[in-house]
Amino acid sequence: MIRALPLALLAATLLGCAPKPVDPAAAEITAEHQACRAEARGSPQNRAFDAQSNPMNPWNVYRIGIERQDLETRLYRDCLRARGLTLPGGVEAQKPR
């Protein structure tokens, strides 16, 4: 019991020092970034994926998800570029893993 306490404290300390996962959406601090994200998600092209969705087919759900994310990223970056804002992720668009 006495030996377990230092190990528990060490584990808690190490877990507290672990790096937090980076959320690309959390880096958007301006209202313009958030407006571009909402515009990309609410676009007619994005809503057209709903007509193609077949929840009974896992491959279709996977494919639609990837295509939707690529479209949202492109529309988001186009909106930022049109407003003269910096693009996230450097030269290449960030892809979720």
PDB file of N, CA and C in Angstrom:
ATOM      1  N   MET A   1       0.826  -1.190   0.000  1.00  0.00           N
ATOM      2  CA  MET A   1       0.000   0.000   0.000  1.00  0.00           C
ATOM      3  C   MET A   1       0.870   1.254   0.000  1.00  0.00           C
ATOM      4  N   ILE A   2       1.914   1.255   0.832  1.00  0.00           N
ATOM      5  CA  ILE A   2       2.779   2.429   0.935  1.00  0.00           C
ATOM      6  C   ILE A   2       3.574   2.609  -0.358  1.00  0.00           C
ATOM      7  N   ARG A   3       3.970   1.508  -1.002  1.00  0.00           N
ATOM      8  CA  ARG A   3       4.722   1.601  -2.256  1.00  0.00           C
ATOM      9  C   ARG A   3       3.839   2.081  -3.410  1.00  0.00           C
ATOM     10  N   ALA A   4       2.561   1.803  -3.354  1.00  0.00           N
ATOM     11  CA  ALA A   4       1.650   2.167  -4.443  1.00  0.00           C
ATOM     12  C   ALA A   4       1.419   3.676  -4.491  1.00  0.00           C
ATOM     13  N   LEU A   5       1.483   4.344  -3.352  1.00  0.00           N
ATOM     14  CA  LEU A   5       1.229   5.777  -3.319  1.00  0.00           C
ATOM     15  C   LEU A   5       2.242   6.572  -4.141  1.00  0.00           C
ATOM     16  N   PRO A   6       3.553   6.349  -3.991  1.00  0.00           N
ATOM     17  CA  PRO A   6       4.502   7.100  -4.832  1.00  0.00           C
ATOM     18  C   PRO A   6       4.328   6.806  -6.323  1.00  0.00           C
ATOM     19  N   LEU A   7       4.015   5.556  -6.641  1.00  0.00           N
ATOM     20  CA  LEU A   7       3.800   5.219  -8.054  1.00  0.00           C
ATOM     21  C   LEU A   7       2.565   5.922  -8.601  1.00  0.00           C
ATOM     22  N   ALA A   8       1.522   6.008  -7.790  1.00  0.00           N
ATOM     23  CA  ALA A   8       0.311   6.695  -8.215  1.00  0.00           C
ATOM     24  C   ALA A   8       0.583   8.191  -8.406  1.00  0.00           C
ATOM     25  N   LEU A   9       1.360   8.779  -7.506  1.00  0.00           N
ATOM     26  CA  LEU A   9       1.713  10.187  -7.645  1.00  0.00           C
ATOM     27  C   LEU A   9       2.576  10.434  -8.885  1.00  0.00           C
ATOM     28  N   LEU A  10       3.497   9.519  -9.158  1.00  0.00           N
ATOM     29  CA  LEU A  10       4.342   9.642 -10.339  1.00  0.00           C
ATOM     30  C   LEU A  10       3.492   9.543 -11.608  1.00  0.00           C
ATOM     31  N   ALA A  11       2.579   8.591 -11.646  1.00  0.00           N
ATOM     32  CA  ALA A  11       1.709   8.432 -12.819  1.00  0.00           C
ATOM     33  C   ALA A  11       0.831   9.668 -13.017  1.00  0.00           C
ATOM     34  N   ALA A  12       0.286  10.203 -11.937  1.00  0.00           N
ATOM     35  CA  ALA A  12      -0.558  11.399 -12.037  1.00  0.00           C
ATOM     36  C   ALA A  12       0.256  12.594 -12.531  1.00  0.00           C
ATOM     37  N   THR A  13       1.494  12.713 -12.080  1.00  0.00           N
ATOM     38  CA  THR A  13       2.359  13.800 -12.515  1.00  0.00           C
ATOM     39  C   THR A  13       2.673  13.680 -13.997  1.00  0.00           C
ATOM     40  N   LEU A  14       3.012  12.471 -14.431  1.00  0.00           N
ATOM     41  CA  LEU A  14       3.337  12.273 -15.843  1.00  0.00           C
ATOM     42  C   LEU A  14       2.128  12.515 -16.736  1.00  0.00           C
ATOM     43  N   LEU A  15       0.960  12.099 -16.310  1.00  0.00           N
ATOM     44  CA  LEU A  15      -0.242  12.334 -17.104  1.00  0.00           C
ATOM     45  C   LEU A  15      -0.567  13.820 -17.181  1.00  0.00           C
ATOM     46  N   GLY A  16      -0.288  14.540 -16.126  1.00  0.00           N
ATOM     47  CA  GLY A  16      -0.544  15.978 -16.130  1.00  0.00           C
ATOM     48  C   GLY A  16       0.407  16.732 -17.038  1.00  0.00           C
ATOM     49  N   CYS A  17       1.582  16.170 -17.294  1.00  0.00           N
ATOM     50  CA  CYS A  17       2.572  16.825 -18.148  1.00  0.00           C
ATOM     51  C   CYS A  17       2.457  16.411 -19.607  1.00  0.00           C
ATOM     52  N   ALA A  18       1.582  15.476 -19.906  1.00  0.00           N
ATOM     53  CA  ALA A  18       1.438  15.010 -21.282  1.00  0.00           C
ATOM     54  C   ALA A  18       0.919  16.147 -22.160  1.00  0.00           C
ATOM     55  N   PRO A  19       1.415  16.228 -23.390  1.00  0.00           N
ATOM     56  CA  PRO A  19       0.924  17.298 -24.276  1.00  0.00           C
ATOM     57  C   PRO A  19      -0.540  17.080 -24.620  1.00  0.00           C
ATOM     58  N   LYS A  20      -1.247  18.166 -24.692  1.00  0.00           N
ATOM     59  CA  LYS A  20      -2.665  18.103 -25.036  1.00  0.00           C
ATOM     60  C   LYS A  20      -2.805  17.954 -26.549  1.00  0.00           C
ATOM     61  N   PRO A  21      -3.796  17.192 -27.026  1.00  0.00           N
ATOM     62  CA  PRO A  21      -3.981  17.087 -28.467  1.00  0.00           C
ATOM     63  C   PRO A  21      -4.359  18.442 -29.067  1.00  0.00           C
ATOM     64  N   VAL A  22      -3.841  18.709 -30.234  1.00  0.00           N
ATOM     65  CA  VAL A  22      -4.093  19.983 -30.892  1.00  0.00           C
ATOM     66  C   VAL A  22      -5.371  19.873 -31.707  1.00  0.00           C
ATOM     67  N   ASP A  23      -6.285  20.779 -31.456  1.00  0.00           N
ATOM     68  CA  ASP A  23      -7.527  20.847 -32.203  1.00  0.00           C
ATOM     69  C   ASP A  23      -7.415  22.008 -33.174  1.00  0.00           C
ATOM     70  N   PRO A  24      -7.421  21.741 -34.510  1.00  0.00           N
ATOM     71  CA  PRO A  24      -7.269  22.841 -35.457  1.00  0.00           C
ATOM     72  C   PRO A  24      -8.351  23.904 -35.312  1.00  0.00           C
ATOM     73  N   ALA A  25      -9.555  23.500 -34.917  1.00  0.00           N
ATOM     74  CA  ALA A  25     -10.640  24.466 -34.765  1.00  0.00           C
ATOM     75  C   ALA A  25     -10.396  25.401 -33.576  1.00  0.00           C
ATOM     76  N   ALA A  26      -9.615  24.932 -32.584  1.00  0.00           N
ATOM     77  CA  ALA A  26      -9.356  25.763 -31.414  1.00  0.00           C
ATOM     78  C   ALA A  26      -8.433  26.928 -31.754  1.00  0.00           C
ATOM     79  N   ALA A  27      -7.655  26.803 -32.823  1.00  0.00           N
ATOM     80  CA  ALA A  27      -6.751  27.880 -33.217  1.00  0.00           C
ATOM     81  C   ALA A  27      -7.505  29.046 -33.849  1.00  0.00           C
ATOM     82  N   GLU A  28      -8.747  28.820 -34.224  1.00  0.00           N
ATOM     83  CA  GLU A  28      -9.550  29.873 -34.842  1.00  0.00           C
ATOM     84  C   GLU A  28     -10.078  30.787 -33.740  1.00  0.00           C
ATOM     85  N   ILE A  29      -9.459  31.927 -33.589  1.00  0.00           N
ATOM     86  CA  ILE A  29      -9.876  32.796 -32.501  1.00  0.00           C
ATOM     87  C   ILE A  29     -10.661  34.005 -32.984  1.00  0.00           C
ATOM     88  N   THR A  30     -10.589  34.298 -34.268  1.00  0.00           N
ATOM     89  CA  THR A  30     -11.293  35.475 -34.749  1.00  0.00           C
ATOM     90  C   THR A  30     -12.689  35.108 -35.230  1.00  0.00           C
ATOM     91  N   ALA A  31     -13.543  36.090 -35.237  1.00  0.00           N
ATOM     92  CA  ALA A  31     -14.912  35.877 -35.711  1.00  0.00           C
ATOM     93  C   ALA A  31     -14.930  35.575 -37.207  1.00  0.00           C
ATOM     94  N   GLU A  32     -13.967  36.115 -37.944  1.00  0.00           N
ATOM     95  CA  GLU A  32     -13.912  35.856 -39.387  1.00  0.00           C
ATOM     96  C   GLU A  32     -13.570  34.393 -39.677  1.00  0.00           C
ATOM     97  N   HIS A  33     -12.651  33.830 -38.885  1.00  0.00           N
ATOM     98  CA  HIS A  33     -12.324  32.407 -39.047  1.00  0.00           C
ATOM     99  C   HIS A  33     -13.557  31.551 -38.767  1.00  0.00           C
ATOM    100  N   GLN A  34     -14.269  31.881 -37.708  1.00  0.00           N
ATOM    101  CA  GLN A  34     -15.461  31.109 -37.360  1.00  0.00           C
ATOM    102  C   GLN A  34     -16.548  31.272 -38.415  1.00  0.00           C
ATOM    103  N   ALA A  35     -16.666  32.473 -38.984  1.00  0.00           N
ATOM    104  CA  ALA A  35     -17.656  32.704 -40.037  1.00  0.00           C
ATOM    105  C   ALA A  35     -17.311  31.893 -41.284  1.00  0.00           C
ATOM    106  N   CYS A  36     -16.043  31.807 -41.620  1.00  0.00           N
ATOM    107  CA  CYS A  36     -15.630  31.009 -42.776  1.00  0.00           C
ATOM    108  C   CYS A  36     -15.890  29.528 -42.532  1.00  0.00           C
ATOM    109  N   ARG A  37     -15.660  29.066 -41.311  1.00  0.00           N
ATOM    110  CA  ARG A  37     -15.926  27.659 -40.988  1.00  0.00           C
ATOM    111  C   ARG A  37     -17.425  27.370 -41.118  1.00  0.00           C
ATOM    112  N   ALA A  38     -18.263  28.263 -40.622  1.00  0.00           N
ATOM    113  CA  ALA A  38     -19.714  28.072 -40.715  1.00  0.00           C
ATOM    114  C   ALA A  38     -20.177  28.133 -42.169  1.00  0.00           C
ATOM    115  N   GLU A  39     -19.583  29.018 -42.946  1.00  0.00           N
ATOM    116  CA  GLU A  39     -19.932  29.126 -44.367  1.00  0.00           C
ATOM    117  C   GLU A  39     -19.579  27.842 -45.114  1.00  0.00           C
ATOM    118  N   ALA A  40     -18.418  27.273 -44.800  1.00  0.00           N
ATOM    119  CA  ALA A  40     -18.002  26.029 -45.459  1.00  0.00           C
ATOM    120  C   ALA A  40     -18.918  24.877 -45.079  1.00  0.00           C
ATOM    121  N   ARG A  41     -19.299  24.797 -43.814  1.00  0.00           N
ATOM    122  CA  ARG A  41     -20.161  23.695 -43.362  1.00  0.00           C
ATOM    123  C   ARG A  41     -21.588  23.825 -43.881  1.00  0.00           C
ATOM    124  N   GLY A  42     -22.054  25.048 -44.119  1.00  0.00           N
ATOM    125  CA  GLY A  42     -23.422  25.251 -44.559  1.00  0.00           C
ATOM    126  C   GLY A  42     -23.569  25.422 -46.056  1.00  0.00           C
ATOM    127  N   SER A  43     -22.517  25.172 -46.813  1.00  0.00           N
ATOM    128  CA  SER A  43     -22.567  25.385 -48.261  1.00  0.00           C
ATOM    129  C   SER A  43     -23.489  24.368 -48.937  1.00  0.00           C
ATOM    130  N   PRO A  44     -24.084  24.744 -50.065  1.00  0.00           N
ATOM    131  CA  PRO A  44     -24.942  23.807 -50.795  1.00  0.00           C
ATOM    132  C   PRO A  44     -24.186  22.552 -51.265  1.00  0.00           C
ATOM    133  N   GLN A  45     -22.905  22.712 -51.623  1.00  0.00           N
ATOM    134  CA  GLN A  45     -22.125  21.546 -52.042  1.00  0.00           C
ATOM    135  C   GLN A  45     -21.973  20.555 -50.895  1.00  0.00           C
ATOM    136  N   ASN A  46     -21.800  21.078 -49.684  1.00  0.00           N
ATOM    137  CA  ASN A  46     -21.648  20.214 -48.519  1.00  0.00           C
ATOM    138  C   ASN A  46     -22.965  19.502 -48.210  1.00  0.00           C
ATOM    139  N   ARG A  47     -24.074  20.213 -48.308  1.00  0.00           N
ATOM    140  CA  ARG A  47     -25.370  19.601 -48.040  1.00  0.00           C
ATOM    141  C   ARG A  47     -25.748  18.572 -49.098  1.00  0.00           C
ATOM    142  N   ALA A  48     -25.156  18.657 -50.299  1.00  0.00           N
ATOM    143  CA  ALA A  48     -25.441  17.687 -51.355  1.00  0.00           C
ATOM    144  C   ALA A  48     -24.945  16.290 -50.978  1.00  0.00           C
ATOM    145  N   PHE A  49     -23.982  16.210 -50.078  1.00  0.00           N
ATOM    146  CA  PHE A  49     -23.506  14.901 -49.634  1.00  0.00           C
ATOM    147  C   PHE A  49     -24.586  14.136 -48.877  1.00  0.00           C
ATOM    148  N   ASP A  50     -25.526  14.848 -48.261  1.00  0.00           N
ATOM    149  CA  ASP A  50     -26.599  14.172 -47.529  1.00  0.00           C
ATOM    150  C   ASP A  50     -27.452  13.320 -48.463  1.00  0.00           C
ATOM    151  N   ALA A  51     -27.622  13.759 -49.708  1.00  0.00           N
ATOM    152  CA  ALA A  51     -28.412  12.994 -50.670  1.00  0.00           C
ATOM    153  C   ALA A  51     -27.683  11.717 -51.093  1.00  0.00           C
ATOM    154  N   GLN A  52     -26.363  11.710 -50.998  1.00  0.00           N
ATOM    155  CA  GLN A  52     -25.567  10.549 -51.395  1.00  0.00           C
ATOM    156  C   GLN A  52     -25.352   9.568 -50.249  1.00  0.00           C
ATOM    157  N   SER A  53     -25.690   9.974 -49.045  1.00  0.00           N
ATOM    158  CA  SER A  53     -25.381   9.172 -47.867  1.00  0.00           C
ATOM    159  C   SER A  53     -26.264   7.924 -47.779  1.00  0.00           C
ATOM    160  N   ASN A  54     -25.624   6.812 -47.472  1.00  0.00           N
ATOM    161  CA  ASN A  54     -26.322   5.555 -47.244  1.00  0.00           C
ATOM    162  C   ASN A  54     -25.787   4.960 -45.939  1.00  0.00           C
ATOM    163  N   PRO A  55     -26.459   5.210 -44.816  1.00  0.00           N
ATOM    164  CA  PRO A  55     -25.926   4.762 -43.524  1.00  0.00           C
ATOM    165  C   PRO A  55     -25.824   3.244 -43.377  1.00  0.00           C
ATOM    166  N   MET A  56     -26.463   2.499 -44.252  1.00  0.00           N
ATOM    167  CA  MET A  56     -26.389   1.039 -44.173  1.00  0.00           C
ATOM    168  C   MET A  56     -25.115   0.491 -44.825  1.00  0.00           C
ATOM    169  N   ASN A  57     -24.379   1.331 -45.522  1.00  0.00           N
ATOM    170  CA  ASN A  57     -23.174   0.918 -46.223  1.00  0.00           C
ATOM    171  C   ASN A  57     -21.969   1.607 -45.579  1.00  0.00           C
ATOM    172  N   PRO A  58     -21.174   0.882 -44.789  1.00  0.00           N
ATOM    173  CA  PRO A  58     -20.037   1.514 -44.095  1.00  0.00           C
ATOM    174  C   PRO A  58     -19.033   2.142 -45.058  1.00  0.00           C
ATOM    175  N   TRP A  59     -18.806   1.542 -46.224  1.00  0.00           N
ATOM    176  CA  TRP A  59     -17.862   2.111 -47.175  1.00  0.00           C
ATOM    177  C   TRP A  59     -18.370   3.457 -47.675  1.00  0.00           C
ATOM    178  N   ASN A  60     -19.666   3.562 -47.923  1.00  0.00           N
ATOM    179  CA  ASN A  60     -20.260   4.816 -48.377  1.00  0.00           C
ATOM    180  C   ASN A  60     -20.110   5.896 -47.320  1.00  0.00           C
ATOM    181  N   VAL A  61     -20.356   5.539 -46.070  1.00  0.00           N
ATOM    182  CA  VAL A  61     -20.223   6.508 -44.967  1.00  0.00           C
ATOM    183  C   VAL A  61     -18.776   6.996 -44.876  1.00  0.00           C
ATOM    184  N   TYR A  62     -17.829   6.079 -45.009  1.00  0.00           N
ATOM    185  CA  TYR A  62     -16.411   6.421 -44.960  1.00  0.00           C
ATOM    186  C   TYR A  62     -16.037   7.350 -46.123  1.00  0.00           C
ATOM    187  N   ARG A  63     -16.452   6.985 -47.343  1.00  0.00           N
ATOM    188  CA  ARG A  63     -16.138   7.774 -48.534  1.00  0.00           C
ATOM    189  C   ARG A  63     -16.747   9.168 -48.455  1.00  0.00           C
ATOM    190  N   ILE A  64     -18.012   9.234 -48.054  1.00  0.00           N
ATOM    191  CA  ILE A  64     -18.690  10.525 -47.947  1.00  0.00           C
ATOM    192  C   ILE A  64     -17.993  11.404 -46.903  1.00  0.00           C
ATOM    193  N   GLY A  65     -17.576  10.792 -45.794  1.00  0.00           N
ATOM    194  CA  GLY A  65     -16.886  11.548 -44.746  1.00  0.00           C
ATOM    195  C   GLY A  65     -15.588  12.164 -45.238  1.00  0.00           C
ATOM    196  N   ILE A  66     -14.816  11.402 -45.987  1.00  0.00           N
ATOM    197  CA  ILE A  66     -13.549  11.910 -46.512  1.00  0.00           C
ATOM    198  C   ILE A  66     -13.806  13.010 -47.538  1.00  0.00           C
ATOM    199  N   GLU A  67     -14.737  12.777 -48.459  1.00  0.00           N
ATOM    200  CA  GLU A  67     -15.023  13.780 -49.479  1.00  0.00           C
ATOM    201  C   GLU A  67     -15.591  15.057 -48.864  1.00  0.00           C
ATOM    202  N   ARG A  68     -16.439  14.898 -47.845  1.00  0.00           N
ATOM    203  CA  ARG A  68     -17.018  16.072 -47.179  1.00  0.00           C
ATOM    204  C   ARG A  68     -15.933  16.884 -46.483  1.00  0.00           C
ATOM    205  N   GLN A  69     -15.005  16.197 -45.811  1.00  0.00           N
ATOM    206  CA  GLN A  69     -13.918  16.898 -45.112  1.00  0.00           C
ATOM    207  C   GLN A  69     -13.017  17.634 -46.099  1.00  0.00           C
ATOM    208  N   ASP A  70     -12.716  16.986 -47.227  1.00  0.00           N
ATOM    209  CA  ASP A  70     -11.890  17.643 -48.246  1.00  0.00           C
ATOM    210  C   ASP A  70     -12.591  18.890 -48.784  1.00  0.00           C
ATOM    211  N   LEU A  71     -13.892  18.787 -49.051  1.00  0.00           N
ATOM    212  CA  LEU A  71     -14.653  19.925 -49.560  1.00  0.00           C
ATOM    213  C   LEU A  71     -14.704  21.057 -48.535  1.00  0.00           C
ATOM    214  N   GLU A  72     -14.986  20.703 -47.266  1.00  0.00           N
ATOM    215  CA  GLU A  72     -15.044  21.728 -46.212  1.00  0.00           C
ATOM    216  C   GLU A  72     -13.711  22.447 -46.081  1.00  0.00           C
ATOM    217  N   THR A  73     -12.627  21.696 -46.139  1.00  0.00           N
ATOM    218  CA  THR A  73     -11.299  22.293 -46.027  1.00  0.00           C
ATOM    219  C   THR A  73     -11.040  23.246 -47.190  1.00  0.00           C
ATOM    220  N   ARG A  74     -11.384  22.814 -48.404  1.00  0.00           N
ATOM    221  CA  ARG A  74     -11.174  23.663 -49.576  1.00  0.00           C
ATOM    222  C   ARG A  74     -12.022  24.931 -49.503  1.00  0.00           C
ATOM    223  N   LEU A  75     -13.299  24.784 -49.148  1.00  0.00           N
ATOM    224  CA  LEU A  75     -14.176  25.952 -49.047  1.00  0.00           C
ATOM    225  C   LEU A  75     -13.729  26.898 -47.936  1.00  0.00           C
ATOM    226  N   TYR A  76     -13.289  26.339 -46.820  1.00  0.00           N
ATOM    227  CA  TYR A  76     -12.806  27.142 -45.697  1.00  0.00           C
ATOM    228  C   TYR A  76     -11.571  27.945 -46.099  1.00  0.00           C
ATOM    229  N   ARG A  77     -10.638  27.284 -46.763  1.00  0.00           N
ATOM    230  CA  ARG A  77      -9.417  27.969 -47.184  1.00  0.00           C
ATOM    231  C   ARG A  77      -9.709  29.011 -48.256  1.00  0.00           C
ATOM    232  N   ASP A  78     -10.646  28.723 -49.164  1.00  0.00           N
ATOM    233  CA  ASP A  78     -11.043  29.705 -50.178  1.00  0.00           C
ATOM    234  C   ASP A  78     -11.645  30.944 -49.524  1.00  0.00           C
ATOM    235  N   CYS A  79     -12.476  30.734 -48.506  1.00  0.00           N
ATOM    236  CA  CYS A  79     -13.100  31.850 -47.797  1.00  0.00           C
ATOM    237  C   CYS A  79     -12.036  32.696 -47.091  1.00  0.00           C
ATOM    238  N   LEU A  80     -11.099  32.033 -46.420  1.00  0.00           N
ATOM    239  CA  LEU A  80     -10.029  32.769 -45.740  1.00  0.00           C
ATOM    240  C   LEU A  80      -9.199  33.567 -46.740  1.00  0.00           C
ATOM    241  N   ARG A  81      -8.882  32.944 -47.864  1.00  0.00           N
ATOM    242  CA  ARG A  81      -8.093  33.614 -48.893  1.00  0.00           C
ATOM    243  C   ARG A  81      -8.838  34.833 -49.434  1.00  0.00           C
ATOM    244  N   ALA A  82     -10.160  34.688 -49.628  1.00  0.00           N
ATOM    245  CA  ALA A  82     -10.962  35.800 -50.153  1.00  0.00           C
ATOM    246  C   ALA A  82     -11.015  36.971 -49.170  1.00  0.00           C
ATOM    247  N   ARG A  83     -10.932  36.675 -47.887  1.00  0.00           N
ATOM    248  CA  ARG A  83     -10.973  37.723 -46.869  1.00  0.00           C
ATOM    249  C   ARG A  83      -9.582  38.249 -46.520  1.00  0.00           C
ATOM    250  N   GLY A  84      -8.548  37.676 -47.117  1.00  0.00           N
ATOM    251  CA  GLY A  84      -7.189  38.136 -46.871  1.00  0.00           C
ATOM    252  C   GLY A  84      -6.611  37.652 -45.551  1.00  0.00           C
ATOM    253  N   LEU A  85      -7.114  36.538 -45.034  1.00  0.00           N
ATOM    254  CA  LEU A  85      -6.620  35.994 -43.768  1.00  0.00           C
ATOM    255  C   LEU A  85      -5.576  34.920 -44.029  1.00  0.00           C
ATOM    256  N   THR A  86      -4.772  34.634 -43.015  1.00  0.00           N
ATOM    257  CA  THR A  86      -3.746  33.605 -43.152  1.00  0.00           C
ATOM    258  C   THR A  86      -4.386  32.227 -43.167  1.00  0.00           C
ATOM    259  N   LEU A  87      -3.766  31.331 -43.911  1.00  0.00           N
ATOM    260  CA  LEU A  87      -4.265  29.969 -44.027  1.00  0.00           C
ATOM    261  C   LEU A  87      -3.629  29.094 -42.955  1.00  0.00           C
ATOM    262  N   PRO A  88      -4.404  28.207 -42.332  1.00  0.00           N
ATOM    263  CA  PRO A  88      -3.832  27.307 -41.335  1.00  0.00           C
ATOM    264  C   PRO A  88      -3.067  26.180 -42.000  1.00  0.00           C
ATOM    265  N   GLY A  89      -2.062  25.672 -41.336  1.00  0.00           N
ATOM    266  CA  GLY A  89      -1.362  24.485 -41.804  1.00  0.00           C
ATOM    267  C   GLY A  89      -0.261  24.728 -42.797  1.00  0.00           C
ATOM    268  N   GLY A  90       0.110  25.939 -43.046  1.00  0.00           N
ATOM    269  CA  GLY A  90       1.198  26.209 -43.962  1.00  0.00           C
ATOM    270  C   GLY A  90       0.790  26.031 -45.411  1.00  0.00           C
ATOM    271  N   VAL A  91       1.679  25.436 -46.206  1.00  0.00           N
ATOM    272  CA  VAL A  91       1.462  25.319 -47.642  1.00  0.00           C
ATOM    273  C   VAL A  91       0.367  24.321 -47.961  1.00  0.00           C
ATOM    274  N   GLU A  92       0.389  23.176 -47.295  1.00  0.00           N
ATOM    275  CA  GLU A  92      -0.575  22.124 -47.581  1.00  0.00           C
ATOM    276  C   GLU A  92      -1.682  22.133 -46.530  1.00  0.00           C
ATOM    277  N   ALA A  93      -2.906  21.857 -46.958  1.00  0.00           N
ATOM    278  CA  ALA A  93      -4.039  21.825 -46.036  1.00  0.00           C
ATOM    279  C   ALA A  93      -3.865  20.689 -45.036  1.00  0.00           C
ATOM    280  N   GLN A  94      -4.240  20.949 -43.790  1.00  0.00           N
ATOM    281  CA  GLN A  94      -4.152  19.931 -42.753  1.00  0.00           C
ATOM    282  C   GLN A  94      -5.215  18.876 -42.991  1.00  0.00           C
ATOM    283  N   LYS A  95      -4.842  17.609 -42.778  1.00  0.00           N
ATOM    284  CA  LYS A  95      -5.784  16.510 -42.912  1.00  0.00           C
ATOM    285  C   LYS A  95      -5.924  15.843 -41.552  1.00  0.00           C
ATOM    286  N   PRO A  96      -7.166  15.613 -41.106  1.00  0.00           N
ATOM    287  CA  PRO A  96      -7.331  14.936 -39.822  1.00  0.00           C
ATOM    288  C   PRO A  96      -6.870  13.500 -39.903  1.00  0.00           C
ATOM    289  N   ARG A  97      -6.385  12.975 -38.800  1.00  0.00           N
ATOM    290  CA  ARG A  97      -5.921  11.578 -38.761  1.00  0.00           C
ATOM    291  C   ARG A  97      -6.860  10.737 -37.962  1.00  0.00           C
TER     292      ARG A  97
END
